[in-house]
Amino acid sequence: MPRKPDETVLTNRKARHDYLILDTWECGIVLHGAEVKSLREHHANLQEAFARVDDGEVWLNGMHILPYAFARGDLDPVRRRKLLLHHHEIEEIARKTGEKGLTLVPLRVYFKEGRAKVELGLARGKRNYDKRQALAARDAQREAERALRGRPD
């Protein structure tokens, strides 16, 4: 049976605009009840989410998962969720986030072999001039591609 490709549920596009991503990790996420069904229906939001290392564990804060419509139990949609990583990865993340100006940002949520995963990025905030340079470079690339497409062969 052929493997299904990873199904990306949601991405945090603003994170790549506001931050310079230095390193990434794939981690599992602990979900309760019908949160998995809500995720599969794309009823979640990563806009205000961030991760933090507390007592040797990594926690995702601020991720909003709407309650599943047909679920019986009530869960807080913005509760903090535990992320699953190897011990050596947690130590590395804790050491790197101890540096000034670095933070953990969730980049995307996806399903891999039926399990929910979070791509976590080590990020440094961009300055306004960095954002303007990135926009200018993207516009220049778009113009170059447009000019090449318009050229007769």
C-alpha atoms as a PDB file:
ATOM      1  CA  MET A   1       0.000   0.000   0.000  1.00  0.00           C
ATOM      2  CA  PRO A   2       1.522   3.382  -0.961  1.00  0.00           C
ATOM      3  CA  ARG A   3       2.242   5.842   1.826  1.00  0.00           C
ATOM      4  CA  LYS A   4       0.095   8.925   2.082  1.00  0.00           C
ATOM      5  CA  PRO A   5       2.025  12.198   1.975  1.00  0.00           C
ATOM      6  CA  ASP A   6       1.999  14.427   5.034  1.00  0.00           C
ATOM      7  CA  GLU A   7      -1.267  16.330   5.285  1.00  0.00           C
ATOM      8  CA  THR A   8      -0.618  19.904   6.390  1.00  0.00           C
ATOM      9  CA  VAL A   9      -3.544  21.108   8.464  1.00  0.00           C
ATOM     10  CA  LEU A  10      -2.466  24.674   9.181  1.00  0.00           C
ATOM     11  CA  THR A  11       0.551  26.896   8.772  1.00  0.00           C
ATOM     12  CA  ASN A  12       1.741  29.964  10.605  1.00  0.00           C
ATOM     13  CA  ARG A  13       2.615  32.148   7.603  1.00  0.00           C
ATOM     14  CA  LYS A  14       3.065  35.234   9.769  1.00  0.00           C
ATOM     15  CA  ALA A  15       5.864  33.485  11.697  1.00  0.00           C
ATOM     16  CA  ARG A  16       8.108  33.339   8.622  1.00  0.00           C
ATOM     17  CA  HIS A  17       7.365  37.022   7.965  1.00  0.00           C
ATOM     18  CA  ASP A  18       8.023  38.231  11.519  1.00  0.00           C
ATOM     19  CA  TYR A  19      10.879  35.899  12.464  1.00  0.00           C
ATOM     20  CA  LEU A  20      14.109  34.547  11.042  1.00  0.00           C
ATOM     21  CA  ILE A  21      13.892  30.760  11.509  1.00  0.00           C
ATOM     22  CA  LEU A  22      17.252  29.350  12.641  1.00  0.00           C
ATOM     23  CA  ASP A  23      16.414  25.694  13.335  1.00  0.00           C
ATOM     24  CA  THR A  24      13.363  23.394  13.232  1.00  0.00           C
ATOM     25  CA  TRP A  25      12.170  20.288  15.068  1.00  0.00           C
ATOM     26  CA  GLU A  26       9.328  17.865  14.438  1.00  0.00           C
ATOM     27  CA  CYS A  27       7.436  17.016  17.596  1.00  0.00           C
ATOM     28  CA  GLY A  28       4.292  15.179  18.547  1.00  0.00           C
ATOM     29  CA  ILE A  29       1.461  16.910  20.350  1.00  0.00           C
ATOM     30  CA  VAL A  30      -0.738  15.576  23.153  1.00  0.00           C
ATOM     31  CA  LEU A  31      -4.410  16.055  22.238  1.00  0.00           C
ATOM     32  CA  HIS A  32      -7.509  15.080  24.233  1.00  0.00           C
ATOM     33  CA  GLY A  33     -10.952  13.934  23.180  1.00  0.00           C
ATOM     34  CA  ALA A  34     -12.213  15.196  19.872  1.00  0.00           C
ATOM     35  CA  GLU A  35      -9.379  17.701  19.315  1.00  0.00           C
ATOM     36  CA  VAL A  36      -7.964  15.393  16.638  1.00  0.00           C
ATOM     37  CA  LYS A  37     -11.251  15.514  14.726  1.00  0.00           C
ATOM     38  CA  SER A  38     -11.308  19.307  14.941  1.00  0.00           C
ATOM     39  CA  LEU A  39      -7.742  19.424  13.618  1.00  0.00           C
ATOM     40  CA  ARG A  40      -8.603  17.123  10.722  1.00  0.00           C
ATOM     41  CA  GLU A  41     -11.395  19.552   9.814  1.00  0.00           C
ATOM     42  CA  HIS A  42      -8.893  22.461   9.925  1.00  0.00           C
ATOM     43  CA  HIS A  43     -10.686  24.119  12.867  1.00  0.00           C
ATOM     44  CA  ALA A  44      -7.573  25.485  14.563  1.00  0.00           C
ATOM     45  CA  ASN A  45      -5.440  28.623  14.668  1.00  0.00           C
ATOM     46  CA  LEU A  46      -1.706  29.169  15.289  1.00  0.00           C
ATOM     47  CA  GLN A  47      -1.577  32.978  15.073  1.00  0.00           C
ATOM     48  CA  GLU A  48      -0.851  33.739  18.736  1.00  0.00           C
ATOM     49  CA  ALA A  49       0.843  30.440  19.566  1.00  0.00           C
ATOM     50  CA  PHE A  50       4.296  30.052  21.095  1.00  0.00           C
ATOM     51  CA  ALA A  51       6.210  27.287  22.841  1.00  0.00           C
ATOM     52  CA  ARG A  52       8.179  27.311  26.076  1.00  0.00           C
ATOM     53  CA  VAL A  53      10.347  24.870  28.013  1.00  0.00           C
ATOM     54  CA  ASP A  54       9.109  24.357  31.602  1.00  0.00           C
ATOM     55  CA  ASP A  55      10.660  21.821  33.996  1.00  0.00           C
ATOM     56  CA  GLY A  56      12.228  19.728  31.251  1.00  0.00           C
ATOM     57  CA  GLU A  57       9.064  19.620  29.123  1.00  0.00           C
ATOM     58  CA  VAL A  58       8.046  21.661  26.079  1.00  0.00           C
ATOM     59  CA  TRP A  59       4.568  23.219  26.145  1.00  0.00           C
ATOM     60  CA  LEU A  60       2.611  24.862  23.322  1.00  0.00           C
ATOM     61  CA  ASN A  61       0.631  27.879  24.522  1.00  0.00           C
ATOM     62  CA  GLY A  62      -1.999  29.902  22.696  1.00  0.00           C
ATOM     63  CA  MET A  63      -2.937  27.406  19.962  1.00  0.00           C
ATOM     64  CA  HIS A  64      -6.698  27.638  19.501  1.00  0.00           C
ATOM     65  CA  ILE A  65      -8.591  24.443  18.576  1.00  0.00           C
ATOM     66  CA  LEU A  66     -12.347  24.900  18.200  1.00  0.00           C
ATOM     67  CA  PRO A  67     -14.419  22.301  20.064  1.00  0.00           C
ATOM     68  CA  TYR A  68     -15.691  19.530  17.802  1.00  0.00           C
ATOM     69  CA  ALA A  69     -19.380  20.051  17.083  1.00  0.00           C
ATOM     70  CA  PHE A  70     -20.458  16.512  18.038  1.00  0.00           C
ATOM     71  CA  ALA A  71     -18.210  16.055  21.075  1.00  0.00           C
ATOM     72  CA  ARG A  72     -19.705  15.477  24.516  1.00  0.00           C
ATOM     73  CA  GLY A  73     -16.935  16.781  26.773  1.00  0.00           C
ATOM     74  CA  ASP A  74     -15.860  20.382  27.114  1.00  0.00           C
ATOM     75  CA  LEU A  75     -12.196  21.306  26.801  1.00  0.00           C
ATOM     76  CA  ASP A  76     -10.633  24.734  26.962  1.00  0.00           C
ATOM     77  CA  PRO A  77      -9.894  25.622  23.309  1.00  0.00           C
ATOM     78  CA  VAL A  78      -6.758  27.601  24.226  1.00  0.00           C
ATOM     79  CA  ARG A  79      -5.336  25.291  26.904  1.00  0.00           C
ATOM     80  CA  ARG A  80      -1.617  24.614  26.877  1.00  0.00           C
ATOM     81  CA  ARG A  81      -0.626  21.372  25.175  1.00  0.00           C
ATOM     82  CA  LYS A  82       2.404  19.208  25.799  1.00  0.00           C
ATOM     83  CA  LEU A  83       4.830  18.653  22.920  1.00  0.00           C
ATOM     84  CA  LEU A  84       6.653  15.346  22.635  1.00  0.00           C
ATOM     85  CA  LEU A  85      10.396  15.452  21.963  1.00  0.00           C
ATOM     86  CA  HIS A  86      13.445  13.381  22.853  1.00  0.00           C
ATOM     87  CA  HIS A  87      15.247  14.369  26.048  1.00  0.00           C
ATOM     88  CA  HIS A  88      18.390  15.500  24.196  1.00  0.00           C
ATOM     89  CA  GLU A  89      16.266  17.677  21.882  1.00  0.00           C
ATOM     90  CA  ILE A  90      14.585  19.332  24.882  1.00  0.00           C
ATOM     91  CA  GLU A  91      17.985  20.062  26.435  1.00  0.00           C
ATOM     92  CA  GLU A  92      19.214  21.568  23.150  1.00  0.00           C
ATOM     93  CA  ILE A  93      16.094  23.716  22.827  1.00  0.00           C
ATOM     94  CA  ALA A  94      16.359  24.905  26.446  1.00  0.00           C
ATOM     95  CA  ARG A  95      20.011  25.846  25.922  1.00  0.00           C
ATOM     96  CA  LYS A  96      19.303  27.723  22.679  1.00  0.00           C
ATOM     97  CA  THR A  97      16.232  29.596  23.958  1.00  0.00           C
ATOM     98  CA  GLY A  98      18.282  30.745  26.935  1.00  0.00           C
ATOM     99  CA  GLU A  99      20.082  33.107  24.558  1.00  0.00           C
ATOM    100  CA  LYS A 100      18.701  36.606  24.376  1.00  0.00           C
ATOM    101  CA  GLY A 101      16.244  37.277  21.571  1.00  0.00           C
ATOM    102  CA  LEU A 102      15.447  33.650  20.649  1.00  0.00           C
ATOM    103  CA  THR A 103      12.018  32.085  20.974  1.00  0.00           C
ATOM    104  CA  LEU A 104      10.105  28.954  19.927  1.00  0.00           C
ATOM    105  CA  VAL A 105       7.387  29.411  17.321  1.00  0.00           C
ATOM    106  CA  PRO A 106       5.109  26.712  15.855  1.00  0.00           C
ATOM    107  CA  LEU A 107       5.402  26.848  12.066  1.00  0.00           C
ATOM    108  CA  ARG A 108       2.833  24.270  10.977  1.00  0.00           C
ATOM    109  CA  VAL A 109       0.616  21.446  12.189  1.00  0.00           C
ATOM    110  CA  TYR A 110       0.298  18.317  10.064  1.00  0.00           C
ATOM    111  CA  PHE A 111      -0.543  14.629  10.168  1.00  0.00           C
ATOM    112  CA  LYS A 112       2.216  12.095   9.553  1.00  0.00           C
ATOM    113  CA  GLU A 113       1.204   8.446   9.413  1.00  0.00           C
ATOM    114  CA  GLY A 114      -2.043   9.315  11.210  1.00  0.00           C
ATOM    115  CA  ARG A 115      -0.398  11.198  14.088  1.00  0.00           C
ATOM    116  CA  ALA A 116      -0.609  14.931  14.687  1.00  0.00           C
ATOM    117  CA  LYS A 117       2.774  16.661  14.511  1.00  0.00           C
ATOM    118  CA  VAL A 118       3.951  20.221  15.073  1.00  0.00           C
ATOM    119  CA  GLU A 119       6.923  21.762  13.287  1.00  0.00           C
ATOM    120  CA  LEU A 120       8.608  23.933  15.891  1.00  0.00           C
ATOM    121  CA  GLY A 121      11.072  26.629  14.887  1.00  0.00           C
ATOM    122  CA  LEU A 122      13.795  28.433  16.823  1.00  0.00           C
ATOM    123  CA  ALA A 123      13.278  32.039  15.796  1.00  0.00           C
ATOM    124  CA  ARG A 124      14.838  35.464  16.151  1.00  0.00           C
ATOM    125  CA  GLY A 125      12.611  38.501  15.591  1.00  0.00           C
ATOM    126  CA  LYS A 126      13.153  40.458  12.379  1.00  0.00           C
ATOM    127  CA  ARG A 127      13.585  44.197  12.375  1.00  0.00           C
ATOM    128  CA  ASN A 128      11.384  46.340  10.119  1.00  0.00           C
ATOM    129  CA  TYR A 129      14.164  46.890   7.598  1.00  0.00           C
ATOM    130  CA  ASP A 130      14.701  43.113   7.373  1.00  0.00           C
ATOM    131  CA  LYS A 131      11.018  42.666   6.546  1.00  0.00           C
ATOM    132  CA  ARG A 132      11.203  45.372   3.875  1.00  0.00           C
ATOM    133  CA  GLN A 133      14.286  43.738   2.340  1.00  0.00           C
ATOM    134  CA  ALA A 134      12.529  40.368   2.242  1.00  0.00           C
ATOM    135  CA  LEU A 135       9.480  41.916   0.544  1.00  0.00           C
ATOM    136  CA  ALA A 136      11.676  43.729  -1.994  1.00  0.00           C
ATOM    137  CA  ALA A 137      13.595  40.528  -2.812  1.00  0.00           C
ATOM    138  CA  ARG A 138      10.349  38.585  -3.260  1.00  0.00           C
ATOM    139  CA  ASP A 139       8.936  41.302  -5.551  1.00  0.00           C
ATOM    140  CA  ALA A 140      12.144  41.345  -7.617  1.00  0.00           C
ATOM    141  CA  GLN A 141      12.022  37.536  -7.961  1.00  0.00           C
ATOM    142  CA  ARG A 142       8.379  37.704  -9.033  1.00  0.00           C
ATOM    143  CA  GLU A 143       9.161  40.378 -11.638  1.00  0.00           C
ATOM    144  CA  ALA A 144      12.069  38.333 -13.024  1.00  0.00           C
ATOM    145  CA  GLU A 145       9.886  35.235 -13.347  1.00  0.00           C
ATOM    146  CA  ARG A 146       7.140  37.274 -14.993  1.00  0.00           C
ATOM    147  CA  ALA A 147       9.642  38.711 -17.505  1.00  0.00           C
ATOM    148  CA  LEU A 148      11.003  35.266 -18.339  1.00  0.00           C
ATOM    149  CA  ARG A 149       7.495  33.847 -18.861  1.00  0.00           C
ATOM    150  CA  GLY A 150       6.556  36.703 -21.163  1.00  0.00           C
ATOM    151  CA  ARG A 151       9.598  36.198 -23.411  1.00  0.00           C
ATOM    152  CA  PRO A 152       8.943  34.389 -26.715  1.00  0.00           C
ATOM    153  CA  ASP A 153      11.000  31.202 -27.239  1.00  0.00           C
END
